[in-house]
Protein backbone atom coordinates (compact mmCIF):
# COMPACT_ATOMS: atom_id res chain seq x y z
CA MET A 1 66.77 63.27 165.59
CA SER A 2 64.63 64.42 162.72
CA LEU A 3 64.25 62.42 159.54
CA LEU A 4 66.25 65.02 157.62
CA ASN A 5 69.14 64.80 160.09
CA TRP A 6 69.01 61.02 159.94
CA ILE A 7 69.16 61.04 156.12
CA PHE A 8 72.03 63.54 156.17
CA ASP A 9 73.87 61.38 158.73
CA ILE A 10 73.58 58.33 156.47
CA TYR A 11 74.79 60.40 153.53
CA GLN A 12 77.80 61.65 155.50
CA HIS A 13 78.74 58.13 156.60
CA THR A 14 78.53 56.97 153.00
CA GLN A 15 80.82 59.81 151.95
CA ILE A 16 83.28 58.94 154.72
CA ASP A 17 83.30 55.28 153.69
CA ASP A 18 83.87 56.27 150.07
CA ALA A 19 86.75 58.55 151.09
CA ARG A 20 88.34 55.73 153.08
CA LYS A 21 88.10 53.40 150.08
CA GLU A 22 89.62 56.04 147.81
CA ALA A 23 92.45 56.63 150.28
CA ALA A 24 93.21 52.91 150.40
CA GLU A 25 93.26 52.81 146.61
CA ALA A 26 95.59 55.81 146.53
CA ARG A 27 97.95 54.02 148.92
CA ARG A 28 97.92 50.95 146.65
CA GLU A 29 98.62 53.14 143.63
CA ALA A 30 101.47 54.88 145.45
CA ALA A 31 103.03 51.51 146.20
CA ALA A 32 102.72 50.66 142.50
CA VAL A 33 105.03 53.56 141.62
CA ARG A 34 107.93 51.39 142.72
CA SER A 35 109.64 49.25 140.13
CA ALA A 36 110.44 45.58 140.66
CA GLY A 37 113.97 46.50 141.76
CA GLY A 38 112.69 48.88 144.44
CA GLY A 39 113.47 52.05 142.50
CA VAL A 40 110.95 54.60 141.33
CA ASP A 41 109.19 53.97 138.04
CA ALA A 42 109.29 57.47 136.55
CA ALA A 43 106.45 56.88 134.07
CA ARG A 44 104.12 55.58 136.79
CA LEU A 45 105.08 58.43 139.09
CA GLU A 46 104.45 61.00 136.37
CA ARG A 47 101.06 59.46 135.60
CA ALA A 48 100.12 59.45 139.31
CA LEU A 49 101.16 63.09 139.69
CA GLY A 50 99.13 64.04 136.64
CA GLU A 51 96.06 62.31 138.08
CA LEU A 52 96.57 64.08 141.41
CA ALA A 53 96.95 67.45 139.69
CA LEU A 54 93.76 66.83 137.71
CA ALA A 55 91.80 65.88 140.83
CA THR A 56 93.10 68.91 142.73
CA LYS A 57 92.25 71.34 139.95
CA THR A 58 88.81 69.77 139.59
CA LEU A 59 88.06 70.13 143.30
CA GLN A 60 89.28 73.72 143.30
CA ARG A 61 87.08 74.58 140.34
CA VAL A 62 84.01 72.89 141.82
CA ILE A 63 84.23 74.66 145.17
CA VAL A 64 84.72 78.03 143.50
CA GLU A 65 81.94 77.49 140.92
CA LYS A 66 79.52 76.30 143.61
CA GLY A 67 80.27 79.43 145.61
CA ILE A 68 81.74 77.59 148.56
CA CYS A 69 84.64 80.01 148.46
CA SER A 70 86.07 82.63 146.16
CA PRO A 71 89.34 82.18 144.26
CA ASP A 72 90.98 84.66 146.65
CA GLU A 73 89.73 82.74 149.69
CA PHE A 74 91.08 79.52 148.21
CA LYS A 75 94.49 81.10 147.59
CA SER A 76 94.54 82.54 151.11
CA VAL A 77 93.81 79.18 152.74
CA LEU A 78 96.29 77.48 150.40
CA ARG A 79 99.03 79.88 151.57
CA GLN A 80 98.02 79.28 155.19
CA VAL A 81 98.15 75.48 154.80
CA ASP A 82 101.43 75.75 152.90
CA GLY A 83 103.04 77.49 155.88
CA GLU A 84 101.79 75.04 158.50
CA ASP A 85 104.87 72.85 158.15
CA GLY A 86 107.15 75.86 158.68
CA ALA A 87 108.19 76.18 155.04
CA ARG A 88 106.25 78.20 152.47
CA ASP A 89 107.44 76.15 149.53
CA GLY A 90 104.25 75.30 147.62
CA ARG A 91 104.23 71.76 148.97
CA ALA A 92 102.76 69.82 151.86
CA PRO A 93 104.46 66.98 153.70
CA LEU A 94 103.19 63.53 152.77
CA ASP A 95 102.65 62.41 156.35
């Protein structure tokens, strides 16, 4: 393995570890959407959805601006992923 591959491998593992930590935090935040009585806290849910929308739009913009894909390619893959659960409804299952 060359030095460059080794450095890239370390970088990738760091990114994976960071993603795992962020996923765990997201799970904790999702649990926090519940109120003390077990119901849904609408304000917390709305805030969480707003943060998710912001992150999604940011990622979309970055990959298009960096030339990773075009807006049309992004929309095409989005439609493909949307249909993977059998329903083209603009949503993905949470599981």
